[in-house]
N, C-alpha and C. Protein backbone atom coordinates (compact mmCIF):
# COMPACT_ATOMS: atom_id res chain seq x y z
N MET A 1 97.55 109.40 119.59
CA MET A 1 97.97 108.03 119.48
C MET A 1 99.37 107.93 120.05
N SER A 2 99.60 106.94 120.86
CA SER A 2 100.90 106.80 121.51
C SER A 2 101.93 106.21 120.54
N LEU A 3 103.19 106.56 120.79
CA LEU A 3 104.27 106.03 119.97
C LEU A 3 104.31 104.51 120.08
N ARG A 4 104.00 103.97 121.25
CA ARG A 4 104.00 102.52 121.44
C ARG A 4 103.01 101.85 120.50
N LEU A 5 101.83 102.43 120.36
CA LEU A 5 100.82 101.85 119.48
C LEU A 5 101.30 101.88 118.03
N ILE A 6 101.93 102.96 117.63
CA ILE A 6 102.44 103.07 116.28
C ILE A 6 103.53 102.02 116.04
N VAL A 7 104.38 101.82 117.03
CA VAL A 7 105.41 100.80 116.91
C VAL A 7 104.77 99.43 116.76
N LEU A 8 103.73 99.16 117.51
CA LEU A 8 103.03 97.88 117.41
C LEU A 8 102.47 97.68 116.01
N ILE A 9 101.90 98.73 115.47
CA ILE A 9 101.33 98.64 114.13
C ILE A 9 102.41 98.31 113.12
N ALA A 10 103.49 99.05 113.16
CA ALA A 10 104.55 98.88 112.16
C ALA A 10 105.20 97.51 112.24
N SER A 11 105.26 96.94 113.39
CA SER A 11 105.96 95.68 113.52
C SER A 11 105.09 94.48 113.22
N GLY A 12 103.88 94.72 112.83
CA GLY A 12 103.04 93.60 112.43
C GLY A 12 102.24 93.03 113.56
N MET A 13 102.39 93.51 114.75
CA MET A 13 101.65 93.14 115.94
C MET A 13 101.75 91.69 116.34
N VAL A 14 102.42 90.92 115.62
CA VAL A 14 102.39 89.50 115.89
C VAL A 14 103.72 88.99 116.37
N ALA A 15 104.73 89.34 115.63
CA ALA A 15 105.99 88.67 115.80
C ALA A 15 107.09 89.68 115.90
N GLY A 16 107.35 90.19 117.05
CA GLY A 16 108.28 91.29 117.16
C GLY A 16 109.69 90.90 117.50
N ALA A 17 109.99 89.65 117.57
CA ALA A 17 111.36 89.28 117.89
C ALA A 17 111.87 88.29 116.85
N ILE A 18 113.11 88.40 116.52
CA ILE A 18 113.71 87.43 115.62
C ILE A 18 114.27 86.33 116.48
N GLY A 19 113.67 85.18 116.38
CA GLY A 19 114.07 84.07 117.24
C GLY A 19 115.18 83.25 116.62
N PRO A 20 115.55 82.19 117.29
CA PRO A 20 116.62 81.35 116.79
C PRO A 20 116.34 80.80 115.40
N SER A 21 115.07 80.63 115.06
CA SER A 21 114.73 80.09 113.76
C SER A 21 115.10 81.04 112.63
N ALA A 22 115.36 82.31 112.94
CA ALA A 22 115.70 83.28 111.91
C ALA A 22 117.20 83.55 111.86
N ALA A 23 117.97 82.80 112.57
CA ALA A 23 119.40 83.08 112.68
C ALA A 23 120.11 83.02 111.34
N SER A 24 119.58 82.25 110.38
CA SER A 24 120.26 82.15 109.10
C SER A 24 119.91 83.30 108.17
N ALA A 25 118.96 84.15 108.54
CA ALA A 25 118.61 85.29 107.70
C ALA A 25 119.56 86.43 108.02
N THR A 26 120.52 86.63 107.11
CA THR A 26 121.52 87.66 107.35
C THR A 26 121.62 88.57 106.15
N GLU A 27 122.20 89.73 106.36
CA GLU A 27 122.42 90.65 105.27
C GLU A 27 123.52 90.11 104.36
N SER A 28 123.48 90.48 103.10
CA SER A 28 124.52 90.08 102.17
C SER A 28 125.82 90.79 102.53
N PRO A 29 126.94 90.08 102.48
CA PRO A 29 128.20 90.74 102.80
C PRO A 29 128.56 91.74 101.71
N PRO A 30 129.22 92.83 102.10
CA PRO A 30 129.61 93.81 101.09
C PRO A 30 130.61 93.20 100.11
N THR A 31 130.51 93.60 98.85
CA THR A 31 131.38 93.05 97.82
C THR A 31 132.58 93.93 97.56
N GLY A 32 132.59 95.14 98.12
CA GLY A 32 133.67 96.06 97.87
C GLY A 32 133.40 96.92 96.64
N GLU A 33 132.34 96.59 95.90
CA GLU A 33 131.97 97.37 94.73
C GLU A 33 130.91 98.38 95.12
N ALA A 34 130.84 99.46 94.37
CA ALA A 34 129.82 100.47 94.61
C ALA A 34 128.45 99.87 94.34
N GLN A 35 127.51 100.14 95.23
CA GLN A 35 126.15 99.64 95.07
C GLN A 35 125.25 100.79 94.62
N PRO A 36 124.21 100.49 93.83
CA PRO A 36 123.29 101.55 93.42
C PRO A 36 122.60 102.14 94.65
N LEU A 37 122.29 103.42 94.58
CA LEU A 37 121.64 104.08 95.71
C LEU A 37 120.27 103.50 95.98
N ALA A 38 119.50 103.25 94.96
CA ALA A 38 118.16 102.70 95.15
C ALA A 38 117.92 101.65 94.07
N MET A 39 117.75 100.42 94.48
CA MET A 39 117.51 99.35 93.53
C MET A 39 116.04 98.95 93.62
N LYS A 40 115.39 98.86 92.48
CA LYS A 40 114.00 98.43 92.45
C LYS A 40 113.97 96.94 92.20
N PHE A 41 113.32 96.24 93.09
CA PHE A 41 113.18 94.80 92.96
C PHE A 41 111.87 94.50 92.25
N PRO A 42 111.76 93.33 91.61
CA PRO A 42 110.53 92.98 90.91
C PRO A 42 109.37 92.82 91.89
N PRO A 43 108.13 92.90 91.41
CA PRO A 43 106.97 92.82 92.30
C PRO A 43 106.93 91.59 93.19
N ASP A 44 107.39 90.45 92.70
CA ASP A 44 107.30 89.22 93.51
C ASP A 44 108.42 89.09 94.54
N ALA A 45 109.27 90.10 94.67
CA ALA A 45 110.37 90.04 95.65
C ALA A 45 109.88 89.98 97.09
N ILE A 46 108.67 90.41 97.36
CA ILE A 46 108.13 90.39 98.71
C ILE A 46 107.63 88.99 99.11
N LEU A 47 107.41 88.13 98.14
CA LEU A 47 106.85 86.81 98.42
C LEU A 47 107.77 86.00 99.32
N GLY A 48 107.17 85.21 100.21
CA GLY A 48 107.93 84.38 101.13
C GLY A 48 107.72 84.82 102.57
N GLU A 49 108.50 84.21 103.47
CA GLU A 49 108.35 84.49 104.91
C GLU A 49 109.40 85.47 105.39
N TRP A 50 108.98 86.34 106.30
CA TRP A 50 109.83 87.38 106.87
C TRP A 50 109.72 87.34 108.39
N CYS A 51 110.86 87.48 109.04
CA CYS A 51 110.93 87.53 110.51
C CYS A 51 110.96 88.99 110.92
N THR A 52 110.17 89.32 111.91
CA THR A 52 110.12 90.70 112.33
C THR A 52 111.36 91.09 113.13
N GLN A 53 111.57 92.38 113.21
CA GLN A 53 112.67 92.95 113.98
C GLN A 53 112.41 92.68 115.46
N LYS A 54 113.47 92.49 116.23
CA LYS A 54 113.33 92.21 117.65
C LYS A 54 112.67 93.38 118.36
N GLU A 55 111.64 93.07 119.14
CA GLU A 55 110.91 94.05 119.93
C GLU A 55 110.81 93.54 121.37
N GLU A 56 110.78 94.46 122.30
CA GLU A 56 110.63 94.09 123.70
C GLU A 56 109.23 93.51 123.93
N ASN A 57 109.15 92.48 124.76
CA ASN A 57 107.88 91.84 125.14
C ASN A 57 107.11 91.24 123.97
N ARG A 58 107.79 90.74 122.97
CA ARG A 58 107.14 90.12 121.82
C ARG A 58 107.73 88.73 121.58
N PRO A 59 106.87 87.76 121.32
CA PRO A 59 107.38 86.43 120.98
C PRO A 59 107.90 86.41 119.55
N PRO A 60 108.86 85.54 119.25
CA PRO A 60 109.32 85.42 117.85
C PRO A 60 108.17 85.00 116.94
N GLY A 61 108.21 85.49 115.72
CA GLY A 61 107.17 85.13 114.77
C GLY A 61 107.56 85.46 113.35
N ARG A 62 106.69 85.07 112.43
CA ARG A 62 106.94 85.30 111.02
C ARG A 62 105.63 85.67 110.31
N VAL A 63 105.79 86.42 109.21
CA VAL A 63 104.68 86.77 108.34
C VAL A 63 105.03 86.29 106.94
N LYS A 64 104.10 85.59 106.30
CA LYS A 64 104.31 85.07 104.96
C LYS A 64 103.49 85.92 103.98
N PHE A 65 104.17 86.44 102.96
CA PHE A 65 103.49 87.23 101.94
C PHE A 65 103.18 86.35 100.73
N VAL A 66 101.95 86.50 100.24
CA VAL A 66 101.48 85.79 99.06
C VAL A 66 100.80 86.82 98.15
N GLN A 67 100.62 86.45 96.88
CA GLN A 67 99.92 87.34 95.97
C GLN A 67 98.45 86.96 95.96
N ALA A 68 97.59 87.94 96.15
CA ALA A 68 96.14 87.72 96.13
C ALA A 68 95.64 87.63 94.69
N ASP A 69 94.42 87.16 94.54
CA ASP A 69 93.82 87.00 93.21
C ASP A 69 93.75 88.32 92.44
N ASP A 70 93.64 89.44 93.15
CA ASP A 70 93.53 90.74 92.48
C ASP A 70 94.90 91.35 92.15
N GLY A 71 96.00 90.60 92.41
CA GLY A 71 97.33 91.07 92.08
C GLY A 71 98.03 91.82 93.21
N THR A 72 97.31 92.13 94.29
CA THR A 72 97.93 92.78 95.44
C THR A 72 98.61 91.73 96.31
N TYR A 73 99.30 92.18 97.35
CA TYR A 73 100.05 91.27 98.22
C TYR A 73 99.45 91.27 99.61
N THR A 74 99.43 90.07 100.20
CA THR A 74 98.81 89.82 101.49
C THR A 74 99.81 89.16 102.43
N GLY A 75 99.83 89.59 103.69
CA GLY A 75 100.70 89.00 104.69
C GLY A 75 99.88 88.19 105.69
N ILE A 76 100.30 86.95 105.90
CA ILE A 76 99.60 86.01 106.78
C ILE A 76 100.54 85.61 107.90
N VAL A 77 100.05 85.64 109.13
CA VAL A 77 100.88 85.19 110.26
C VAL A 77 101.12 83.70 110.07
N SER A 78 102.38 83.32 109.89
CA SER A 78 102.69 81.93 109.59
C SER A 78 103.24 81.17 110.79
N TRP A 79 103.74 81.88 111.79
CA TRP A 79 104.30 81.20 112.96
C TRP A 79 104.48 82.19 114.09
N SER A 80 104.29 81.70 115.32
CA SER A 80 104.57 82.49 116.52
C SER A 80 105.00 81.51 117.60
N SER A 81 106.03 81.89 118.37
CA SER A 81 106.47 81.00 119.44
C SER A 81 105.47 81.00 120.60
N ASP A 82 104.61 82.00 120.65
CA ASP A 82 103.60 82.10 121.71
C ASP A 82 102.28 82.53 121.08
N PRO A 83 101.63 81.61 120.33
CA PRO A 83 100.40 82.01 119.64
C PRO A 83 99.31 82.42 120.62
N LYS A 84 98.74 83.57 120.35
CA LYS A 84 97.69 84.10 121.21
C LYS A 84 96.37 84.08 120.45
N LYS A 85 95.30 84.27 121.19
CA LYS A 85 93.97 84.37 120.60
C LYS A 85 93.74 85.80 120.13
N ASP A 86 92.86 85.96 119.19
CA ASP A 86 92.51 87.27 118.64
C ASP A 86 91.44 87.93 119.52
N GLN A 87 91.73 88.02 120.80
CA GLN A 87 90.75 88.41 121.82
C GLN A 87 90.24 89.84 121.72
N ASN A 88 90.92 90.71 121.00
CA ASN A 88 90.48 92.10 120.88
C ASN A 88 89.78 92.40 119.56
N ASN A 89 89.47 91.36 118.80
CA ASN A 89 88.80 91.55 117.52
C ASN A 89 87.45 92.21 117.75
N LYS A 90 87.11 93.15 116.88
CA LYS A 90 85.83 93.85 117.01
C LYS A 90 84.64 92.92 116.78
N ASP A 91 84.87 91.80 116.08
CA ASP A 91 83.82 90.80 115.87
C ASP A 91 83.94 89.73 116.96
N PRO A 92 83.01 89.68 117.90
CA PRO A 92 83.11 88.71 119.00
C PRO A 92 83.23 87.26 118.55
N LYS A 93 82.72 86.93 117.36
CA LYS A 93 82.80 85.56 116.84
C LYS A 93 84.23 85.15 116.50
N LEU A 94 85.11 86.12 116.31
CA LEU A 94 86.49 85.83 115.92
C LEU A 94 87.47 85.87 117.09
N ARG A 95 87.02 86.18 118.26
CA ARG A 95 87.93 86.39 119.39
C ARG A 95 88.57 85.11 119.92
N ASP A 96 88.05 83.96 119.57
CA ASP A 96 88.61 82.70 120.07
C ASP A 96 89.60 82.08 119.07
N ARG A 97 89.78 82.69 117.91
CA ARG A 97 90.70 82.13 116.92
C ARG A 97 92.15 82.50 117.27
N SER A 98 93.06 81.66 116.84
CA SER A 98 94.49 81.94 117.01
C SER A 98 94.89 83.00 115.99
N ILE A 99 95.87 83.84 116.36
CA ILE A 99 96.34 84.81 115.38
C ILE A 99 97.21 84.15 114.31
N VAL A 100 97.75 82.97 114.59
CA VAL A 100 98.52 82.26 113.57
C VAL A 100 97.54 81.79 112.49
N GLY A 101 97.84 82.15 111.27
CA GLY A 101 96.99 81.77 110.15
C GLY A 101 96.08 82.88 109.67
N ILE A 102 95.99 83.99 110.39
CA ILE A 102 95.10 85.05 109.95
C ILE A 102 95.84 86.01 109.01
N VAL A 103 95.08 86.65 108.15
CA VAL A 103 95.61 87.69 107.29
C VAL A 103 95.78 88.93 108.17
N ILE A 104 97.00 89.41 108.25
CA ILE A 104 97.28 90.57 109.09
C ILE A 104 97.61 91.81 108.25
N MET A 105 98.03 91.59 106.99
CA MET A 105 98.34 92.69 106.07
C MET A 105 97.70 92.36 104.73
N TRP A 106 97.14 93.38 104.09
CA TRP A 106 96.49 93.12 102.81
C TRP A 106 96.46 94.37 101.95
N HIS A 107 96.15 94.13 100.69
CA HIS A 107 95.98 95.17 99.68
C HIS A 107 97.25 95.96 99.40
N LEU A 108 98.42 95.36 99.60
CA LEU A 108 99.67 96.03 99.24
C LEU A 108 99.80 95.98 97.73
N ARG A 109 99.82 97.12 97.12
CA ARG A 109 99.88 97.25 95.66
C ARG A 109 101.29 97.68 95.27
N TYR A 110 101.90 96.95 94.34
CA TYR A 110 103.26 97.27 93.88
C TYR A 110 103.20 98.48 92.96
N ASP A 111 104.03 99.49 93.26
CA ASP A 111 104.07 100.70 92.46
C ASP A 111 105.48 101.26 92.46
N ASP A 112 106.16 101.15 91.33
CA ASP A 112 107.48 101.74 91.15
C ASP A 112 108.48 101.34 92.24
N GLY A 113 108.54 100.06 92.55
CA GLY A 113 109.52 99.56 93.51
C GLY A 113 109.07 99.51 94.95
N GLU A 114 107.86 100.01 95.23
CA GLU A 114 107.34 99.98 96.60
C GLU A 114 105.97 99.31 96.62
N TYR A 115 105.57 98.90 97.81
CA TYR A 115 104.25 98.31 98.02
C TYR A 115 103.48 99.35 98.82
N VAL A 116 102.41 99.85 98.23
CA VAL A 116 101.68 100.99 98.81
C VAL A 116 100.21 100.66 99.00
N ASP A 117 99.53 101.55 99.71
CA ASP A 117 98.08 101.50 99.90
C ASP A 117 97.59 100.27 100.65
N GLY A 118 98.45 99.69 101.50
CA GLY A 118 98.07 98.50 102.23
C GLY A 118 97.44 98.80 103.59
N TYR A 119 97.01 97.74 104.22
CA TYR A 119 96.40 97.82 105.56
C TYR A 119 97.05 96.77 106.45
N VAL A 120 97.08 97.05 107.74
CA VAL A 120 97.57 96.09 108.72
C VAL A 120 96.56 96.01 109.86
N TYR A 121 96.26 94.80 110.27
CA TYR A 121 95.37 94.56 111.41
C TYR A 121 96.21 94.38 112.66
N ASN A 122 95.82 95.04 113.73
CA ASN A 122 96.52 94.96 115.01
C ASN A 122 95.71 94.12 115.99
N PRO A 123 96.10 92.87 116.23
CA PRO A 123 95.35 92.04 117.17
C PRO A 123 95.38 92.56 118.61
N GLU A 124 96.34 93.41 118.93
CA GLU A 124 96.43 93.92 120.30
C GLU A 124 95.33 94.91 120.63
N ASP A 125 94.78 95.61 119.61
CA ASP A 125 93.67 96.52 119.90
C ASP A 125 92.48 96.31 118.96
N GLY A 126 92.60 95.38 118.02
CA GLY A 126 91.51 95.11 117.09
C GLY A 126 91.36 96.16 116.00
N GLY A 127 92.31 97.09 115.91
CA GLY A 127 92.24 98.16 114.92
C GLY A 127 92.92 97.82 113.62
N THR A 128 92.57 98.58 112.59
CA THR A 128 93.18 98.44 111.28
C THR A 128 93.84 99.77 110.92
N TYR A 129 95.05 99.70 110.39
CA TYR A 129 95.85 100.88 110.10
C TYR A 129 96.42 100.78 108.70
N ARG A 130 97.09 101.81 108.24
CA ARG A 130 97.68 101.85 106.91
C ARG A 130 99.08 101.25 106.93
N LEU A 131 99.55 100.82 105.73
CA LEU A 131 100.82 100.14 105.64
C LEU A 131 101.43 100.33 104.26
N ASN A 132 102.72 100.61 104.23
CA ASN A 132 103.53 100.58 103.01
C ASN A 132 104.73 99.69 103.29
N ALA A 133 105.37 99.18 102.25
CA ALA A 133 106.55 98.32 102.43
C ALA A 133 107.48 98.50 101.23
N GLU A 134 108.74 98.10 101.44
CA GLU A 134 109.71 98.17 100.37
C GLU A 134 110.77 97.09 100.60
N VAL A 135 111.06 96.31 99.56
CA VAL A 135 112.14 95.34 99.63
C VAL A 135 113.44 96.12 99.46
N LEU A 136 114.30 96.06 100.47
CA LEU A 136 115.57 96.78 100.45
C LEU A 136 116.68 95.96 99.82
N SER A 137 116.61 94.64 100.02
CA SER A 137 117.57 93.70 99.46
C SER A 137 116.87 92.36 99.40
N PRO A 138 117.48 91.34 98.80
CA PRO A 138 116.82 90.03 98.80
C PRO A 138 116.57 89.49 100.21
N GLU A 139 117.26 90.05 101.20
CA GLU A 139 117.15 89.56 102.57
C GLU A 139 116.49 90.53 103.54
N SER A 140 116.10 91.72 103.11
CA SER A 140 115.51 92.67 104.05
C SER A 140 114.31 93.40 103.45
N LEU A 141 113.32 93.63 104.31
CA LEU A 141 112.06 94.26 103.95
C LEU A 141 111.77 95.37 104.95
N LYS A 142 111.51 96.56 104.45
CA LYS A 142 111.12 97.67 105.32
C LYS A 142 109.61 97.77 105.32
N VAL A 143 108.99 97.72 106.50
CA VAL A 143 107.54 97.91 106.64
C VAL A 143 107.32 99.22 107.37
N HIS A 144 106.31 99.96 106.93
CA HIS A 144 106.02 101.26 107.53
C HIS A 144 104.53 101.30 107.85
N GLY A 145 104.19 101.20 109.12
CA GLY A 145 102.82 101.29 109.56
C GLY A 145 102.53 102.71 110.00
N TYR A 146 101.32 103.18 109.73
CA TYR A 146 101.01 104.56 110.10
C TYR A 146 99.52 104.76 110.31
N PHE A 147 99.22 105.85 110.97
CA PHE A 147 97.85 106.24 111.26
C PHE A 147 97.56 107.54 110.51
N GLY A 148 96.69 107.48 109.53
CA GLY A 148 96.32 108.68 108.80
C GLY A 148 97.28 109.02 107.68
N ILE A 149 98.44 109.59 108.02
CA ILE A 149 99.43 109.94 107.01
C ILE A 149 100.74 109.25 107.35
N PRO A 150 101.57 108.94 106.35
CA PRO A 150 102.81 108.21 106.61
C PRO A 150 103.74 108.88 107.62
N LEU A 151 103.65 110.19 107.75
CA LEU A 151 104.48 110.90 108.72
C LEU A 151 104.17 110.44 110.15
N LEU A 152 102.93 110.03 110.39
CA LEU A 152 102.51 109.56 111.71
C LEU A 152 102.67 108.04 111.81
N GLY A 153 103.88 107.59 111.71
CA GLY A 153 104.13 106.16 111.76
C GLY A 153 105.58 105.87 112.04
N GLN A 154 105.92 104.61 111.86
CA GLN A 154 107.29 104.19 112.13
C GLN A 154 107.63 103.01 111.22
N SER A 155 108.91 102.96 110.82
CA SER A 155 109.38 101.89 109.95
C SER A 155 110.19 100.87 110.75
N LYS A 156 110.11 99.64 110.32
CA LYS A 156 110.91 98.54 110.87
C LYS A 156 111.49 97.76 109.70
N THR A 157 112.62 97.12 109.93
CA THR A 157 113.22 96.27 108.91
C THR A 157 113.12 94.82 109.36
N TRP A 158 112.59 93.99 108.49
CA TRP A 158 112.45 92.56 108.76
C TRP A 158 113.45 91.81 107.91
N LEU A 159 113.83 90.64 108.37
CA LEU A 159 114.75 89.78 107.63
C LEU A 159 114.02 88.59 107.05
N ARG A 160 114.46 88.16 105.87
CA ARG A 160 113.84 86.99 105.23
C ARG A 160 114.11 85.76 106.06
N TYR A 161 113.10 84.92 106.21
CA TYR A 161 113.26 83.67 106.94
C TYR A 161 113.88 82.64 106.02
N ARG A 162 114.93 82.02 106.51
CA ARG A 162 115.61 80.92 105.79
C ARG A 162 115.67 79.74 106.74
N PRO A 163 114.89 78.71 106.48
CA PRO A 163 114.89 77.54 107.38
C PRO A 163 116.22 76.81 107.41
């Protein structure tokens, strides 16, 4: 598997650039006080919209996380500056749909401060891969897409969308 494909998986395949609409999503300024090494945020900290990290050849976009009926977390493509069709979907009936509005991440289960055991759909190749995530701060989310084992993957940091 190429490193490029792994990068595509980790970045959510949809929205690899932080566009002007995400300009207000910034890191919290340092307070000058010592910060805990690892802070665990509550399970609902992932809820809301996140802008992906800037990637080459990717239109700006966002993923919105919601809680599913079974208590896991799901990511839905909520916006893209260049919405494309899901032309590589393995189901030919779905190839004409827009990727905006589709569930791209699912089954993220909160466990001890992290979201584990999730899946991510890659519209660029129609494949499904594994996914873990962690809220690093109220304004940043680390997503880690991988193939097989977490070591075979890559992490990206997304910023919270603030309109």
